[in-house]
Amino acid sequence: MNDPIPKSQFKARALEYFRQVESTGRPLIVSDHGRPVLEVRPYQITKPTPLQALKGSLLRYQRPTDPVGEDDWDAMR
């Protein structure tokens, strides 16, 4: 199922293609006038990595070059 499926053919047999993707786990490419435009693939629940979970949590760091001492850590208290 590596060849793109034309959009008109996909429309007529969408449920069949959905079942195929579900059973095989392989993605399906849908084309429009010979140009790939869509990819239908199985849904996968993904957990964010620890770095992805922390992304955006630091709003602003005032003095990034200042040394960090033992008194600066909450966990040390």
PDB file of N, CA and C in Angstrom:
ATOM      1  N   MET A   1       0.834  -1.183   0.000  1.00  0.00           N
ATOM      2  CA  MET A   1       0.000   0.000   0.000  1.00  0.00           C
ATOM      3  C   MET A   1       0.880   1.248   0.000  1.00  0.00           C
ATOM      4  N   ASN A   2       1.951   1.230  -0.785  1.00  0.00           N
ATOM      5  CA  ASN A   2       2.864   2.367  -0.850  1.00  0.00           C
ATOM      6  C   ASN A   2       2.437   3.402  -1.874  1.00  0.00           C
ATOM      7  N   ASP A   3       1.661   2.972  -2.877  1.00  0.00           N
ATOM      8  CA  ASP A   3       1.224   3.904  -3.908  1.00  0.00           C
ATOM      9  C   ASP A   3       0.112   4.796  -3.376  1.00  0.00           C
ATOM     10  N   PRO A   4       0.167   6.085  -3.719  1.00  0.00           N
ATOM     11  CA  PRO A   4      -0.910   6.984  -3.278  1.00  0.00           C
ATOM     12  C   PRO A   4      -2.249   6.577  -3.896  1.00  0.00           C
ATOM     13  N   ILE A   5      -3.308   6.756  -3.122  1.00  0.00           N
ATOM     14  CA  ILE A   5      -4.668   6.471  -3.577  1.00  0.00           C
ATOM     15  C   ILE A   5      -5.280   7.787  -4.040  1.00  0.00           C
ATOM     16  N   PRO A   6      -5.846   7.830  -5.241  1.00  0.00           N
ATOM     17  CA  PRO A   6      -6.502   9.066  -5.679  1.00  0.00           C
ATOM     18  C   PRO A   6      -7.658   9.431  -4.754  1.00  0.00           C
ATOM     19  N   LYS A   7      -7.852  10.728  -4.578  1.00  0.00           N
ATOM     20  CA  LYS A   7      -8.882  11.226  -3.673  1.00  0.00           C
ATOM     21  C   LYS A   7     -10.264  10.711  -4.032  1.00  0.00           C
ATOM     22  N   SER A   8     -10.583  10.631  -5.298  1.00  0.00           N
ATOM     23  CA  SER A   8     -11.905  10.153  -5.725  1.00  0.00           C
ATOM     24  C   SER A   8     -12.107   8.681  -5.355  1.00  0.00           C
ATOM     25  N   GLN A   9     -11.057   7.886  -5.484  1.00  0.00           N
ATOM     26  CA  GLN A   9     -11.139   6.472  -5.121  1.00  0.00           C
ATOM     27  C   GLN A   9     -11.233   6.327  -3.601  1.00  0.00           C
ATOM     28  N   PHE A  10     -10.507   7.159  -2.871  1.00  0.00           N
ATOM     29  CA  PHE A  10     -10.566   7.111  -1.412  1.00  0.00           C
ATOM     30  C   PHE A  10     -11.970   7.442  -0.913  1.00  0.00           C
ATOM     31  N   LYS A  11     -12.582   8.438  -1.525  1.00  0.00           N
ATOM     32  CA  LYS A  11     -13.923   8.853  -1.109  1.00  0.00           C
ATOM     33  C   LYS A  11     -14.920   7.706  -1.252  1.00  0.00           C
ATOM     34  N   ALA A  12     -14.810   6.968  -2.321  1.00  0.00           N
ATOM     35  CA  ALA A  12     -15.754   5.888  -2.584  1.00  0.00           C
ATOM     36  C   ALA A  12     -15.538   4.689  -1.659  1.00  0.00           C
ATOM     37  N   ARG A  13     -14.298   4.488  -1.187  1.00  0.00           N
ATOM     38  CA  ARG A  13     -13.989   3.291  -0.399  1.00  0.00           C
ATOM     39  C   ARG A  13     -13.312   3.630   0.937  1.00  0.00           C
ATOM     40  N   ALA A  14     -13.660   4.767   1.521  1.00  0.00           N
ATOM     41  CA  ALA A  14     -12.983   5.254   2.727  1.00  0.00           C
ATOM     42  C   ALA A  14     -13.040   4.255   3.875  1.00  0.00           C
ATOM     43  N   LEU A  15     -14.201   3.694   4.171  1.00  0.00           N
ATOM     44  CA  LEU A  15     -14.310   2.756   5.294  1.00  0.00           C
ATOM     45  C   LEU A  15     -13.426   1.529   5.093  1.00  0.00           C
ATOM     46  N   GLU A  16     -13.357   1.059   3.874  1.00  0.00           N
ATOM     47  CA  GLU A  16     -12.493  -0.083   3.574  1.00  0.00           C
ATOM     48  C   GLU A  16     -11.029   0.272   3.841  1.00  0.00           C
ATOM     49  N   TYR A  17     -10.607   1.459   3.420  1.00  0.00           N
ATOM     50  CA  TYR A  17      -9.233   1.895   3.646  1.00  0.00           C
ATOM     51  C   TYR A  17      -8.960   2.110   5.130  1.00  0.00           C
ATOM     52  N   PHE A  18      -9.932   2.650   5.864  1.00  0.00           N
ATOM     53  CA  PHE A  18      -9.763   2.822   7.310  1.00  0.00           C
ATOM     54  C   PHE A  18      -9.518   1.478   7.986  1.00  0.00           C
ATOM     55  N   ARG A  19     -10.304   0.478   7.619  1.00  0.00           N
ATOM     56  CA  ARG A  19     -10.138  -0.853   8.206  1.00  0.00           C
ATOM     57  C   ARG A  19      -8.775  -1.440   7.859  1.00  0.00           C
ATOM     58  N   GLN A  20      -8.320  -1.183   6.641  1.00  0.00           N
ATOM     59  CA  GLN A  20      -7.011  -1.675   6.203  1.00  0.00           C
ATOM     60  C   GLN A  20      -5.890  -1.046   7.034  1.00  0.00           C
ATOM     61  N   VAL A  21      -5.976   0.251   7.251  1.00  0.00           N
ATOM     62  CA  VAL A  21      -4.963   0.956   8.042  1.00  0.00           C
ATOM     63  C   VAL A  21      -4.990   0.453   9.483  1.00  0.00           C
ATOM     64  N   GLU A  22      -6.186   0.243  10.034  1.00  0.00           N
ATOM     65  CA  GLU A  22      -6.307  -0.269  11.400  1.00  0.00           C
ATOM     66  C   GLU A  22      -5.699  -1.659  11.538  1.00  0.00           C
ATOM     67  N   SER A  23      -5.958  -2.523  10.580  1.00  0.00           N
ATOM     68  CA  SER A  23      -5.492  -3.907  10.697  1.00  0.00           C
ATOM     69  C   SER A  23      -3.998  -4.066  10.399  1.00  0.00           C
ATOM     70  N   THR A  24      -3.474  -3.314   9.446  1.00  0.00           N
ATOM     71  CA  THR A  24      -2.066  -3.465   9.085  1.00  0.00           C
ATOM     72  C   THR A  24      -1.149  -2.528   9.872  1.00  0.00           C
ATOM     73  N   GLY A  25      -1.684  -1.392  10.294  1.00  0.00           N
ATOM     74  CA  GLY A  25      -0.859  -0.409  10.995  1.00  0.00           C
ATOM     75  C   GLY A  25      -0.015   0.435  10.066  1.00  0.00           C
ATOM     76  N   ARG A  26      -0.146   0.225   8.763  1.00  0.00           N
ATOM     77  CA  ARG A  26       0.639   0.987   7.787  1.00  0.00           C
ATOM     78  C   ARG A  26      -0.141   2.219   7.333  1.00  0.00           C
ATOM     79  N   PRO A  27       0.534   3.350   7.170  1.00  0.00           N
ATOM     80  CA  PRO A  27      -0.161   4.563   6.720  1.00  0.00           C
ATOM     81  C   PRO A  27      -0.595   4.469   5.265  1.00  0.00           C
ATOM     82  N   LEU A  28      -1.536   5.309   4.928  1.00  0.00           N
ATOM     83  CA  LEU A  28      -2.091   5.376   3.570  1.00  0.00           C
ATOM     84  C   LEU A  28      -1.943   6.811   3.082  1.00  0.00           C
ATOM     85  N   ILE A  29      -1.436   6.974   1.880  1.00  0.00           N
ATOM     86  CA  ILE A  29      -1.261   8.291   1.283  1.00  0.00           C
ATOM     87  C   ILE A  29      -2.397   8.531   0.295  1.00  0.00           C
ATOM     88  N   VAL A  30      -3.037   9.695   0.393  1.00  0.00           N
ATOM     89  CA  VAL A  30      -4.117  10.074  -0.511  1.00  0.00           C
ATOM     90  C   VAL A  30      -3.598  11.207  -1.387  1.00  0.00           C
ATOM     91  N   SER A  31      -3.838  11.097  -2.684  1.00  0.00           N
ATOM     92  CA  SER A  31      -3.324  12.108  -3.615  1.00  0.00           C
ATOM     93  C   SER A  31      -4.471  12.878  -4.274  1.00  0.00           C
ATOM     94  N   ASP A  32      -4.131  14.076  -4.719  1.00  0.00           N
ATOM     95  CA  ASP A  32      -5.068  14.924  -5.458  1.00  0.00           C
ATOM     96  C   ASP A  32      -4.357  15.348  -6.741  1.00  0.00           C
ATOM     97  N   HIS A  33      -4.859  14.868  -7.871  1.00  0.00           N
ATOM     98  CA  HIS A  33      -4.240  15.135  -9.175  1.00  0.00           C
ATOM     99  C   HIS A  33      -2.780  14.674  -9.195  1.00  0.00           C
ATOM    100  N   GLY A  34      -2.516  13.503  -8.584  1.00  0.00           N
ATOM    101  CA  GLY A  34      -1.191  12.914  -8.591  1.00  0.00           C
ATOM    102  C   GLY A  34      -0.233  13.457  -7.546  1.00  0.00           C
ATOM    103  N   ARG A  35      -0.665  14.438  -6.765  1.00  0.00           N
ATOM    104  CA  ARG A  35       0.187  15.053  -5.743  1.00  0.00           C
ATOM    105  C   ARG A  35      -0.260  14.572  -4.368  1.00  0.00           C
ATOM    106  N   PRO A  36       0.628  13.965  -3.574  1.00  0.00           N
ATOM    107  CA  PRO A  36       0.240  13.505  -2.235  1.00  0.00           C
ATOM    108  C   PRO A  36      -0.208  14.688  -1.372  1.00  0.00           C
ATOM    109  N   VAL A  37      -1.395  14.554  -0.746  1.00  0.00           N
ATOM    110  CA  VAL A  37      -1.922  15.649   0.062  1.00  0.00           C
ATOM    111  C   VAL A  37      -2.308  15.225   1.479  1.00  0.00           C
ATOM    112  N   LEU A  38      -2.597  13.940   1.704  1.00  0.00           N
ATOM    113  CA  LEU A  38      -3.031  13.475   3.021  1.00  0.00           C
ATOM    114  C   LEU A  38      -2.335  12.172   3.379  1.00  0.00           C
ATOM    115  N   GLU A  39      -2.181  11.966   4.679  1.00  0.00           N
ATOM    116  CA  GLU A  39      -1.684  10.690   5.176  1.00  0.00           C
ATOM    117  C   GLU A  39      -2.672  10.212   6.236  1.00  0.00           C
ATOM    118  N   VAL A  40      -3.181   9.006   6.052  1.00  0.00           N
ATOM    119  CA  VAL A  40      -4.078   8.392   7.030  1.00  0.00           C
ATOM    120  C   VAL A  40      -3.252   7.332   7.738  1.00  0.00           C
ATOM    121  N   ARG A  41      -3.137   7.457   9.069  1.00  0.00           N
ATOM    122  CA  ARG A  41      -2.339   6.505   9.828  1.00  0.00           C
ATOM    123  C   ARG A  41      -3.031   6.184  11.137  1.00  0.00           C
ATOM    124  N   PRO A  42      -2.672   5.078  11.758  1.00  0.00           N
ATOM    125  CA  PRO A  42      -3.294   4.710  13.025  1.00  0.00           C
ATOM    126  C   PRO A  42      -2.961   5.732  14.110  1.00  0.00           C
ATOM    127  N   TYR A  43      -3.919   5.968  14.985  1.00  0.00           N
ATOM    128  CA  TYR A  43      -3.716   6.890  16.101  1.00  0.00           C
ATOM    129  C   TYR A  43      -2.889   6.208  17.174  1.00  0.00           C
ATOM    130  N   GLN A  44      -1.908   6.928  17.712  1.00  0.00           N
ATOM    131  CA  GLN A  44      -1.075   6.390  18.780  1.00  0.00           C
ATOM    132  C   GLN A  44      -1.009   7.409  19.903  1.00  0.00           C
ATOM    133  N   ILE A  45      -1.287   6.963  21.109  1.00  0.00           N
ATOM    134  CA  ILE A  45      -1.179   7.838  22.263  1.00  0.00           C
ATOM    135  C   ILE A  45       0.300   7.942  22.612  1.00  0.00           C
ATOM    136  N   THR A  46       0.797   9.153  22.667  1.00  0.00           N
ATOM    137  CA  THR A  46       2.202   9.359  22.986  1.00  0.00           C
ATOM    138  C   THR A  46       2.318  10.201  24.246  1.00  0.00           C
ATOM    139  N   LYS A  47       3.179   9.757  25.144  1.00  0.00           N
ATOM    140  CA  LYS A  47       3.462  10.516  26.345  1.00  0.00           C
ATOM    141  C   LYS A  47       4.567  11.513  26.021  1.00  0.00           C
ATOM    142  N   PRO A  48       4.450  12.727  26.535  1.00  0.00           N
ATOM    143  CA  PRO A  48       5.538  13.669  26.291  1.00  0.00           C
ATOM    144  C   PRO A  48       6.784  13.255  27.071  1.00  0.00           C
ATOM    145  N   THR A  49       7.934  13.503  26.485  1.00  0.00           N
ATOM    146  CA  THR A  49       9.184  13.243  27.184  1.00  0.00           C
ATOM    147  C   THR A  49       9.303  14.265  28.319  1.00  0.00           C
ATOM    148  N   PRO A  50      10.160  14.004  29.296  1.00  0.00           N
ATOM    149  CA  PRO A  50      10.308  14.979  30.384  1.00  0.00           C
ATOM    150  C   PRO A  50      10.663  16.386  29.891  1.00  0.00           C
ATOM    151  N   LEU A  51      11.489  16.481  28.880  1.00  0.00           N
ATOM    152  CA  LEU A  51      11.833  17.812  28.358  1.00  0.00           C
ATOM    153  C   LEU A  51      10.645  18.469  27.670  1.00  0.00           C
ATOM    154  N   GLN A  52       9.828  17.695  26.960  1.00  0.00           N
ATOM    155  CA  GLN A  52       8.644  18.258  26.325  1.00  0.00           C
ATOM    156  C   GLN A  52       7.645  18.742  27.373  1.00  0.00           C
ATOM    157  N   ALA A  53       7.535  18.011  28.482  1.00  0.00           N
ATOM    158  CA  ALA A  53       6.619  18.402  29.545  1.00  0.00           C
ATOM    159  C   ALA A  53       7.060  19.712  30.204  1.00  0.00           C
ATOM    160  N   LEU A  54       8.363  19.944  30.280  1.00  0.00           N
ATOM    161  CA  LEU A  54       8.885  21.156  30.908  1.00  0.00           C
ATOM    162  C   LEU A  54       8.942  22.356  29.961  1.00  0.00           C
ATOM    163  N   LYS A  55       8.787  22.112  28.679  1.00  0.00           N
ATOM    164  CA  LYS A  55       8.900  23.187  27.695  1.00  0.00           C
ATOM    165  C   LYS A  55       7.893  24.295  28.005  1.00  0.00           C
ATOM    166  N   GLY A  56       8.402  25.511  28.075  1.00  0.00           N
ATOM    167  CA  GLY A  56       7.551  26.664  28.332  1.00  0.00           C
ATOM    168  C   GLY A  56       7.277  26.921  29.805  1.00  0.00           C
ATOM    169  N   SER A  57       7.824  26.107  30.706  1.00  0.00           N
ATOM    170  CA  SER A  57       7.536  26.297  32.121  1.00  0.00           C
ATOM    171  C   SER A  57       8.401  27.398  32.752  1.00  0.00           C
ATOM    172  N   LEU A  58       9.538  27.705  32.159  1.00  0.00           N
ATOM    173  CA  LEU A  58      10.386  28.783  32.653  1.00  0.00           C
ATOM    174  C   LEU A  58      10.020  30.042  31.888  1.00  0.00           C
ATOM    175  N   LEU A  59       9.453  30.991  32.589  1.00  0.00           N
ATOM    176  CA  LEU A  59       9.004  32.199  31.915  1.00  0.00           C
ATOM    177  C   LEU A  59      10.156  33.169  31.650  1.00  0.00           C
ATOM    178  N   ARG A  60      10.996  33.361  32.695  1.00  0.00           N
ATOM    179  CA  ARG A  60      12.101  34.284  32.510  1.00  0.00           C
ATOM    180  C   ARG A  60      13.129  34.037  33.606  1.00  0.00           C
ATOM    181  N   TYR A  61      14.379  34.013  33.240  1.00  0.00           N
ATOM    182  CA  TYR A  61      15.451  33.830  34.206  1.00  0.00           C
ATOM    183  C   TYR A  61      16.232  35.126  34.247  1.00  0.00           C
ATOM    184  N   GLN A  62      16.213  35.786  35.390  1.00  0.00           N
ATOM    185  CA  GLN A  62      16.772  37.130  35.518  1.00  0.00           C
ATOM    186  C   GLN A  62      18.294  37.181  35.320  1.00  0.00           C
ATOM    187  N   ARG A  63      19.021  36.307  36.042  1.00  0.00           N
ATOM    188  CA  ARG A  63      20.483  36.380  36.034  1.00  0.00           C
ATOM    189  C   ARG A  63      21.061  34.991  35.765  1.00  0.00           C
ATOM    190  N   PRO A  64      21.144  34.569  34.524  1.00  0.00           N
ATOM    191  CA  PRO A  64      21.582  33.203  34.228  1.00  0.00           C
ATOM    192  C   PRO A  64      23.051  32.931  34.536  1.00  0.00           C
ATOM    193  N   THR A  65      23.864  33.952  34.693  1.00  0.00           N
ATOM    194  CA  THR A  65      25.294  33.725  34.936  1.00  0.00           C
ATOM    195  C   THR A  65      25.657  33.745  36.413  1.00  0.00           C
ATOM    196  N   ASP A  66      24.708  34.065  37.304  1.00  0.00           N
ATOM    197  CA  ASP A  66      24.988  34.067  38.743  1.00  0.00           C
ATOM    198  C   ASP A  66      25.209  32.648  39.240  1.00  0.00           C
ATOM    199  N   PRO A  67      26.143  32.464  40.180  1.00  0.00           N
ATOM    200  CA  PRO A  67      26.360  31.129  40.733  1.00  0.00           C
ATOM    201  C   PRO A  67      25.169  30.680  41.583  1.00  0.00           C
ATOM    202  N   VAL A  68      24.973  29.396  41.664  1.00  0.00           N
ATOM    203  CA  VAL A  68      23.893  28.827  42.463  1.00  0.00           C
ATOM    204  C   VAL A  68      24.530  28.179  43.686  1.00  0.00           C
ATOM    205  N   GLY A  69      24.083  28.584  44.860  1.00  0.00           N
ATOM    206  CA  GLY A  69      24.633  28.052  46.100  1.00  0.00           C
ATOM    207  C   GLY A  69      23.679  27.073  46.748  1.00  0.00           C
ATOM    208  N   GLU A  70      24.134  26.454  47.832  1.00  0.00           N
ATOM    209  CA  GLU A  70      23.302  25.470  48.535  1.00  0.00           C
ATOM    210  C   GLU A  70      22.033  26.100  49.092  1.00  0.00           C
ATOM    211  N   ASP A  71      22.081  27.358  49.479  1.00  0.00           N
ATOM    212  CA  ASP A  71      20.910  28.037  50.045  1.00  0.00           C
ATOM    213  C   ASP A  71      19.826  28.296  49.002  1.00  0.00           C
ATOM    214  N   ASP A  72      20.176  28.193  47.727  1.00  0.00           N
ATOM    215  CA  ASP A  72      19.213  28.477  46.653  1.00  0.00           C
ATOM    216  C   ASP A  72      18.307  27.298  46.330  1.00  0.00           C
ATOM    217  N   TRP A  73      18.585  26.114  46.828  1.00  0.00           N
ATOM    218  CA  TRP A  73      17.819  24.921  46.502  1.00  0.00           C
ATOM    219  C   TRP A  73      16.791  24.642  47.587  1.00  0.00           C
ATOM    220  N   ASP A  74      15.521  24.584  47.219  1.00  0.00           N
ATOM    221  CA  ASP A  74      14.450  24.272  48.168  1.00  0.00           C
ATOM    222  C   ASP A  74      14.577  22.853  48.703  1.00  0.00           C
ATOM    223  N   ALA A  75      15.018  21.929  47.889  1.00  0.00           N
ATOM    224  CA  ALA A  75      15.106  20.528  48.287  1.00  0.00           C
ATOM    225  C   ALA A  75      16.180  20.290  49.349  1.00  0.00           C
ATOM    226  N   MET A  76      17.121  21.185  49.458  1.00  0.00           N
ATOM    227  CA  MET A  76      18.204  21.041  50.422  1.00  0.00           C
ATOM    228  C   MET A  76      17.774  21.455  51.834  1.00  0.00           C
ATOM    229  N   ARG A  77      16.648  22.151  51.956  1.00  0.00           N
ATOM    230  CA  ARG A  77      16.205  22.676  53.259  1.00  0.00           C
ATOM    231  C   ARG A  77      15.469  21.645  54.046  1.00  0.00           C
TER     232      ARG A  77
END
